[in-house]
Protein backbone atom coordinates (compact mmCIF):
# COMPACT_ATOMS: atom_id res chain seq x y z
CA MET A 1 0.00 -0.01 0.00
CA ALA A 2 1.27 3.46 -0.88
CA LYS A 3 3.06 5.48 1.78
CA TYR A 4 2.50 9.21 2.10
CA ILE A 5 5.16 11.91 2.58
CA GLN A 6 4.92 15.66 3.11
CA GLU A 7 8.14 17.62 3.60
CA GLN A 8 9.39 21.14 3.30
CA ASN A 9 12.20 22.03 0.94
CA PRO A 10 15.14 23.33 3.01
CA VAL A 11 15.92 26.03 0.43
CA THR A 12 13.71 29.05 -0.32
CA THR A 13 13.60 31.30 -3.37
CA ALA A 14 14.49 34.85 -2.40
CA TYR A 15 12.90 37.92 -3.93
CA VAL A 16 14.90 39.91 -6.46
CA ALA A 17 12.99 42.82 -7.96
CA SER A 18 12.23 42.52 -11.69
CA SER A 19 14.51 39.49 -11.90
CA ALA A 20 14.90 36.90 -14.56
CA ALA A 21 13.59 33.49 -13.58
CA THR A 22 15.00 32.44 -10.20
CA PRO A 23 15.41 28.65 -10.20
CA LEU A 24 14.83 26.44 -7.18
CA LEU A 25 16.11 22.91 -7.71
CA ILE A 26 13.75 20.40 -6.12
CA GLY A 27 15.55 17.46 -7.66
CA SER A 28 14.75 13.76 -7.42
CA LYS A 29 12.71 12.60 -4.45
CA PRO A 30 12.17 8.98 -3.38
CA TYR A 31 8.48 9.38 -4.11
CA TRP A 32 6.08 10.66 -6.75
CA ILE A 33 5.16 14.29 -6.07
CA THR A 34 1.37 14.73 -6.07
CA SER A 35 1.12 18.30 -4.75
CA LEU A 36 3.03 21.35 -3.69
CA ILE A 37 2.39 24.08 -1.18
CA LEU A 38 3.82 27.41 -2.28
CA GLY A 39 4.31 29.47 0.88
CA LEU A 40 4.73 33.17 0.13
CA GLU A 41 6.39 35.15 2.91
CA LEU A 42 5.73 38.66 1.62
CA ALA A 43 7.83 41.23 3.49
CA LYS A 44 6.63 44.73 2.79
CA ALA A 45 7.23 48.26 3.98
CA GLY A 46 4.74 51.11 3.95
CA ALA A 47 2.31 52.57 6.44
CA ALA A 48 -0.79 52.56 4.26
CA THR A 49 -3.18 49.62 3.89
CA THR A 50 -3.97 50.57 0.30
CA ALA A 51 -3.20 47.67 -2.05
CA THR A 52 -3.72 46.55 -5.58
CA GLN A 53 -6.39 43.88 -6.09
CA ASP A 54 -5.08 40.33 -5.46
CA TYR A 55 -1.85 41.95 -4.37
CA PRO A 56 0.17 38.93 -3.04
CA TYR A 57 0.21 37.04 -6.29
CA ARG A 58 1.14 40.05 -8.39
CA ALA A 59 4.58 39.59 -6.83
CA VAL A 60 5.38 36.70 -9.20
CA THR A 61 5.03 37.48 -12.92
CA ALA A 62 5.86 34.01 -14.28
CA THR A 63 6.00 30.50 -12.87
CA THR A 64 7.44 27.33 -14.33
CA LEU A 65 7.90 23.78 -13.09
CA ARG A 66 9.98 21.50 -15.27
CA GLY A 67 11.56 18.09 -14.98
CA GLY A 68 12.56 15.21 -17.21
CA GLY A 69 12.07 17.41 -20.27
CA ARG A 70 8.41 18.07 -19.39
CA PRO A 71 6.90 21.48 -18.69
CA TYR A 72 4.58 20.56 -15.83
CA ILE A 73 3.59 24.20 -15.20
CA ASN A 74 4.11 27.09 -17.58
CA LEU A 75 2.37 30.26 -16.36
CA GLY A 76 3.04 33.62 -17.96
CA ALA A 77 1.04 36.81 -18.28
CA PRO A 78 -0.29 38.44 -16.30
CA ASP A 79 1.21 36.83 -13.16
CA MET A 80 0.29 34.23 -10.51
CA ARG A 81 -3.26 35.52 -10.09
CA PRO A 82 -4.96 32.93 -12.38
CA LEU A 83 -3.27 30.12 -10.41
CA TYR A 84 -4.56 31.66 -7.18
CA TRP A 85 -8.12 31.80 -8.50
CA ALA A 86 -7.89 28.29 -9.99
CA THR A 87 -6.92 27.05 -6.51
CA ARG A 88 -9.74 28.92 -4.81
CA LEU A 89 -12.32 27.65 -7.25
CA ARG A 90 -11.04 24.08 -7.21
CA THR A 91 -11.10 24.01 -3.38
CA LYS A 92 -14.55 25.64 -2.99
CA GLY A 93 -13.36 28.98 -1.69
CA SER A 94 -10.43 27.89 0.50
CA TYR A 95 -7.09 29.67 0.89
CA LYS A 96 -8.15 33.29 0.67
CA THR A 97 -5.24 35.69 0.86
CA PRO A 98 -4.75 37.88 3.93
CA ASP A 99 -5.79 41.52 3.83
CA MET A 100 -3.08 44.13 3.40
CA GLN A 101 -1.59 45.16 6.75
CA SER A 102 -0.27 48.54 7.82
CA GLY A 103 3.38 49.20 8.56
CA THR A 104 6.44 47.03 8.06
CA GLN A 105 5.06 43.49 8.11
CA THR A 106 5.58 40.02 6.75
CA ILE A 107 2.35 38.68 5.29
CA TYR A 108 2.05 34.91 4.99
CA ALA A 109 -0.05 33.29 2.26
CA ILE A 110 -0.07 29.69 1.06
CA LEU A 111 -1.09 28.46 -2.35
CA PRO A 112 -1.65 24.69 -2.64
CA VAL A 113 -1.07 23.19 -6.07
CA ILE A 114 -2.85 19.80 -6.19
CA PHE A 115 -1.84 18.13 -9.47
CA GLY A 116 -4.52 15.42 -9.43
CA VAL A 117 -7.96 15.92 -10.89
CA PHE A 118 -9.65 15.54 -7.48
CA PRO A 119 -8.22 18.29 -5.25
CA LEU A 120 -10.77 17.55 -2.52
CA LYS A 121 -11.76 14.30 -0.90
CA PRO A 122 -15.44 13.39 -0.58
CA ASN A 123 -15.39 14.82 2.95
CA ASP A 124 -13.91 18.12 1.59
CA ASP A 125 -10.46 17.55 3.09
CA MET A 126 -7.53 18.43 0.87
CA ASN A 127 -6.48 15.52 -1.33
CA TRP A 128 -2.73 16.04 -1.09
CA PHE A 129 -1.95 12.47 -2.26
CA ASP A 130 -4.25 12.14 -5.29
CA THR A 131 -2.59 9.59 -7.59
CA THR A 132 -4.63 10.46 -10.68
CA CYS A 133 -1.58 12.56 -11.55
CA GLY A 134 1.95 13.00 -10.29
CA LEU A 135 5.53 13.99 -11.01
CA GLN A 136 7.92 11.08 -11.35
CA PRO A 137 11.33 11.41 -9.67
CA ASP A 138 13.56 13.63 -11.83
CA MET A 139 17.06 14.85 -10.97
CA ASP A 140 16.38 18.17 -12.72
CA LEU A 141 12.93 18.99 -11.32
CA THR A 142 13.08 22.79 -10.93
CA LEU A 143 10.65 25.49 -9.93
CA GLY A 144 11.25 28.86 -11.65
CA LEU A 145 9.87 32.15 -10.40
CA THR A 146 10.11 35.55 -12.05
CA TRP A 147 9.62 38.27 -9.46
CA ALA A 148 7.83 41.55 -10.15
CA ALA A 149 8.97 45.09 -9.47
CA ASN A 150 8.81 46.06 -5.81
CA SER A 151 5.88 48.41 -6.51
CA ALA A 152 3.63 45.62 -7.87
CA ILE A 153 1.59 45.15 -4.69
CA ALA A 154 0.65 48.80 -4.11
CA SER A 155 2.01 51.66 -6.16
CA ALA A 156 3.98 54.10 -3.97
CA THR A 157 2.26 53.04 -0.72
CA ASN A 158 3.65 49.58 0.02
CA THR A 159 6.77 48.04 -1.48
CA ILE A 160 8.13 44.51 -1.54
CA GLN A 161 11.28 44.07 0.51
CA THR A 162 14.26 41.88 -0.31
CA THR A 163 13.54 39.58 2.65
CA THR A 164 10.51 38.22 0.77
CA VAL A 165 10.81 34.51 -0.03
CA MET A 166 8.82 31.64 -1.51
CA ARG A 167 8.91 28.40 0.44
CA VAL A 168 8.02 25.03 -1.10
CA THR A 169 6.58 21.98 0.60
CA GLN A 170 6.24 18.76 -1.41
CA ALA A 171 3.70 15.99 -0.83
CA GLY A 172 3.85 12.64 -2.51
CA VAL A 173 3.47 8.89 -2.43
CA VAL A 174 5.82 5.93 -2.37
CA LEU A 175 4.24 3.31 -4.60
CA GLU A 176 4.59 -0.30 -3.55
CA ALA A 177 3.86 -3.62 -5.18
CA GLY A 178 0.24 -3.89 -6.12
CA ASP A 179 -0.40 -0.15 -6.23
CA ALA A 180 -1.91 1.22 -9.42
CA PRO A 181 0.72 3.17 -11.40
CA ILE A 182 0.49 6.92 -11.91
CA LYS A 183 -0.28 7.30 -15.60
CA TYR A 184 -0.69 11.06 -16.16
CA TYR A 185 1.32 14.19 -15.48
CA PRO A 186 0.20 17.84 -15.34
CA ALA A 187 0.75 20.20 -18.24
CA TRP A 188 -0.84 23.35 -16.84
CA PHE A 189 -0.43 26.57 -18.77
CA THR A 190 -1.89 30.04 -19.20
CA GLN A 191 -3.34 31.75 -22.27
CA GLN A 192 -4.09 35.43 -22.64
CA PHE A 193 -6.27 37.11 -25.23
CA SER A 194 -6.50 40.88 -25.82
CA PRO A 195 -9.49 41.80 -28.02
CA ALA A 196 -8.57 44.36 -30.70
CA SER A 197 -12.13 45.62 -30.97
CA THR A 198 -15.56 45.16 -29.50
CA ALA A 199 -17.43 42.02 -30.48
CA SER A 200 -21.19 41.54 -30.23
CA GLY A 201 -23.22 38.37 -29.95
CA LEU A 202 -20.45 36.15 -28.56
CA SER A 203 -18.36 36.65 -31.70
CA PHE A 204 -14.89 36.91 -30.06
CA GLU A 205 -13.16 33.51 -30.11
CA ALA A 206 -10.55 32.17 -27.66
CA LYS A 207 -9.48 28.72 -28.88
CA LEU A 208 -8.07 26.13 -26.51
CA THR A 209 -4.70 24.88 -27.72
CA THR A 210 -5.02 21.32 -28.95
CA GLY A 211 -2.78 18.42 -27.88
CA TYR A 212 -3.93 18.00 -24.29
CA TRP A 213 -6.58 16.51 -22.08
CA TYR A 214 -8.44 19.41 -20.43
CA ARG A 215 -10.04 18.95 -17.04
CA ARG A 216 -10.71 22.60 -16.09
CA SER A 217 -10.11 26.13 -17.31
CA THR A 218 -10.19 29.14 -14.99
CA VAL A 219 -11.21 32.37 -16.71
CA MET A 220 -10.13 35.75 -15.28
CA ILE A 221 -11.08 38.92 -17.15
CA VAL A 222 -9.38 42.17 -16.21
CA ASN A 223 -9.55 45.72 -17.47
CA GLY A 224 -6.91 48.41 -16.98
CA THR A 225 -3.15 48.73 -17.17
CA GLY A 226 -0.30 48.14 -14.75
CA THR A 227 -1.35 47.83 -11.13
CA ALA A 228 -4.76 49.27 -12.10
CA ASP A 229 -5.86 46.16 -14.04
CA THR A 230 -8.75 44.75 -12.03
CA ARG A 231 -11.14 41.86 -12.42
CA ASN A 232 -14.34 42.90 -14.21
CA ASN A 233 -17.76 41.22 -14.45
CA GLY A 234 -18.84 43.10 -17.55
CA TYR A 235 -21.79 44.99 -16.09
CA GLY A 236 -23.35 47.53 -18.44
CA THR A 237 -20.97 48.14 -21.31
CA ALA A 238 -17.77 47.32 -19.40
CA CYS A 239 -15.35 44.61 -20.53
CA CYS A 240 -17.02 41.29 -21.50
CA SER A 241 -20.67 40.75 -20.72
CA GLU A 242 -21.18 37.22 -22.03
CA ILE A 243 -19.29 33.91 -22.15
CA ALA A 244 -19.92 30.68 -24.02
CA LEU A 245 -18.18 27.35 -24.59
CA GLU A 246 -18.53 26.05 -28.14
CA THR A 247 -17.69 22.62 -29.58
CA LYS A 248 -16.61 21.76 -33.11
CA ASP A 249 -20.16 20.89 -34.15
CA GLY A 250 -21.50 24.22 -32.89
CA ARG A 251 -23.03 23.06 -29.63
CA ARG A 252 -22.80 25.35 -26.63
CA PRO A 253 -22.84 23.50 -23.29
CA LEU A 254 -22.25 26.90 -21.67
CA ASN A 255 -23.82 30.21 -22.64
CA MET A 256 -24.24 32.78 -19.84
CA LYS A 257 -23.94 36.39 -18.84
CA PHE A 258 -20.43 36.70 -17.47
CA TRP A 259 -21.56 37.99 -14.07
CA ASP A 260 -23.91 35.01 -13.70
CA PHE A 261 -21.08 32.69 -14.68
CA ALA A 262 -18.74 34.23 -12.10
CA HIS A 263 -21.30 34.23 -9.30
CA SER A 264 -22.47 30.67 -9.97
CA ARG A 265 -18.92 29.31 -9.67
CA GLN A 266 -18.48 30.82 -6.20
CA ARG A 267 -21.45 29.40 -4.31
CA ASN A 268 -19.17 28.07 -1.51
CA PHE A 269 -17.46 31.42 -0.93
CA HIS A 270 -18.45 33.43 2.14
CA VAL A 271 -16.34 36.59 2.20
CA ALA A 272 -15.11 38.41 -0.91
CA ASP A 273 -11.41 39.28 -1.27
CA ASP A 274 -12.42 42.89 -1.89
CA ASN A 275 -15.39 45.14 -2.67
CA PHE A 276 -14.99 45.30 -6.45
CA ASP A 277 -18.40 43.63 -6.94
CA VAL A 278 -20.23 45.86 -4.43
CA ALA A 279 -22.64 48.16 -6.24
CA GLY A 280 -21.55 51.80 -6.09
CA ALA A 281 -18.42 51.12 -4.05
CA THR A 282 -15.01 52.60 -4.78
CA GLY A 283 -12.72 49.63 -5.31
CA ALA A 284 -10.27 48.87 -2.48
CA GLY A 285 -7.85 46.03 -3.01
CA GLY A 286 -6.52 43.89 -0.20
CA ALA A 287 -9.53 44.57 2.04
CA SER A 288 -12.11 41.84 2.60
CA SER A 289 -15.79 42.60 2.12
CA THR A 290 -18.86 40.99 3.62
CA ALA A 291 -21.15 43.08 1.45
CA VAL A 292 -20.93 40.32 -1.18
CA TYR A 293 -19.67 36.74 -1.03
CA TYR A 294 -18.40 36.54 -4.58
CA ASN A 295 -15.52 38.08 -6.47
CA ALA A 296 -15.78 39.91 -9.75
CA GLY A 297 -14.45 38.68 -13.07
CA VAL A 298 -13.44 35.09 -12.37
CA GLY A 299 -14.98 31.63 -12.79
CA ASP A 300 -14.09 28.15 -14.00
CA VAL A 301 -15.40 25.40 -16.26
CA ASP A 302 -15.08 21.73 -15.27
CA PHE A 303 -15.04 20.01 -18.65
CA ALA A 304 -15.73 16.56 -17.16
CA ALA A 305 -19.04 17.94 -15.88
CA VAL A 306 -20.23 19.24 -19.25
CA ALA A 307 -18.75 16.67 -21.66
CA ASN A 308 -20.35 13.43 -22.82
CA THR A 309 -17.99 10.80 -21.43
CA ALA A 310 -19.72 7.83 -23.10
CA ASP A 311 -16.94 7.71 -25.74
CA PRO A 312 -13.63 7.45 -23.78
CA THR A 313 -11.65 8.60 -26.82
CA LYS A 314 -13.42 11.97 -26.68
CA ALA A 315 -13.88 12.63 -22.98
CA ASP A 316 -13.08 10.98 -19.66
CA PRO A 317 -14.80 11.46 -16.28
CA GLN A 318 -11.40 12.01 -14.66
CA TYR A 319 -9.28 13.87 -17.21
CA GLY A 320 -11.96 15.78 -19.09
CA VAL A 321 -12.09 16.39 -22.84
CA ASN A 322 -9.52 14.93 -25.21
CA LEU A 323 -7.96 17.47 -27.58
CA VAL A 324 -4.96 15.25 -28.41
CA GLY A 325 -4.67 15.03 -32.19
CA LYS A 326 -7.69 17.25 -32.70
CA SER A 327 -7.93 20.13 -35.20
CA ASP A 328 -7.65 23.80 -34.27
CA GLY A 329 -10.89 25.20 -32.92
CA THR A 330 -12.29 21.87 -31.73
CA LEU A 331 -13.14 23.55 -28.42
CA LYS A 332 -13.25 27.28 -27.88
CA PHE A 333 -14.61 29.95 -25.63
CA LYS A 334 -16.59 32.84 -27.07
CA PHE A 335 -17.18 36.27 -25.56
CA THR A 336 -19.23 39.35 -26.10
CA VAL A 337 -16.68 42.17 -25.82
CA ASP A 338 -18.25 45.50 -24.89
CA THR A 339 -15.00 47.32 -24.04
CA ALA A 340 -11.84 46.22 -25.89
CA THR A 341 -9.47 48.92 -24.66
CA ASN A 342 -7.17 47.46 -21.99
CA THR A 343 -9.28 44.32 -21.65
CA THR A 344 -7.51 40.97 -21.33
CA ILE A 345 -9.05 37.52 -21.03
CA ASN A 346 -6.78 35.21 -19.04
CA PHE A 347 -6.97 31.41 -18.84
CA LEU A 348 -5.36 28.94 -16.48
CA ASN A 349 -5.80 25.54 -18.19
CA GLU A 350 -5.63 22.46 -16.02
CA ALA A 351 -4.37 20.11 -18.73
CA TYR A 352 -2.93 16.58 -18.61
CA LEU A 353 -0.87 14.18 -20.72
CA PRO A 354 -0.08 10.47 -20.33
CA TYR A 355 3.42 9.31 -19.50
C-alpha cells in the first residue's frame, strides 16, 4: 500500500525585484510528487493599507515547473493571479489571501497546487496524495519564479522588501507492489487574449490549444493597465458581458452572462477578497468585504461535468475532454466584448498528458 510523505524544501527562493527566472532545484525525491504548497512570505514596507487587487500574487510574474524534459507548469502573463483563482475555485473557496496590513510587516499566504484531478476528498479535506496525476522522480525537477517590481503590490504606498521568499513543501506517495501506477502528469499553462475591438453576440473567439486532455479552465477577465488592471464582471458596457463554450459541431454547453457565470462558480465562498463587486463602491484592493460573497471577473469550467464521457476517446470522467490530435478550434470559448481597450481575457488551463 502506498506510503505518504509531506516535507518542506530546506531552500527558499529569495525575492529579487524585476528578476529573470529564479530557479529552485527540487531534484529527485524517493516518491512521486502529487502536490506542492507554495508558501509566500511577503515582506513589505509602507504605512498605508492601500493595495492593488489580489496583491500577493502580483509579486510573481511568471511560474514554471519543469523536470525530465516536461513542462509541468508554464504560467506567464499576467502573473500568478490565475493560479490563485484556480486554486480557490477548485477548493470551494479555500485559501483566501490575507488583507493588506499597515506598517512594516511580513504577510504569509499559502497556495496549494494539487496536481490530481480531485483536489478535494469526498469529505472536503484536501487531497494532497491524489494519484490520478503525479511528477515522477527527476534529478532536474526545478521550480522557476520571475519576481515583479517592488511596486507591484501597491504603487507608492507599500513596497516589496528583499527579505521576501517563496517556500516550497512537497507531498507525494511511495508506490509499492500492487499499487496502481500513476499514468498522467500535469501540463498546466496560461493563455491570454486581448481583443482588438468590440465584439457583439459572442463573436470573439478564444481557442483552446489542442494536444492535451483538459479537465478545467479558470477564466479571469481584467480591465486596466499596470497595477490598475482589475477583475471585471462586464456589467453595463464594461469589458465582456457574455461567455460561451462552443464545440466543433456548434453546440454550446455553456452560454451565460459573465456575471452570472462568475457568481455561480463561487457558491461556496463566504467573504469576498475585496469590494470590487459591491454596487456603487469605490474599489479597495486587499480589504475583505462581507457586502458580497463573490468576487468579480473570475470563474471556471469543469469540462468533465459538461462533456459526454460515453466515448472514452473523446472525454473521460477524470481527465476531461480529449484534444490530443484534434484540429484547431475543436473547443473554444466565445465572448461578447463591450470594451476592448485594456481588456484581457486570461486562462489557467488544467491540462494533462499520459506518461
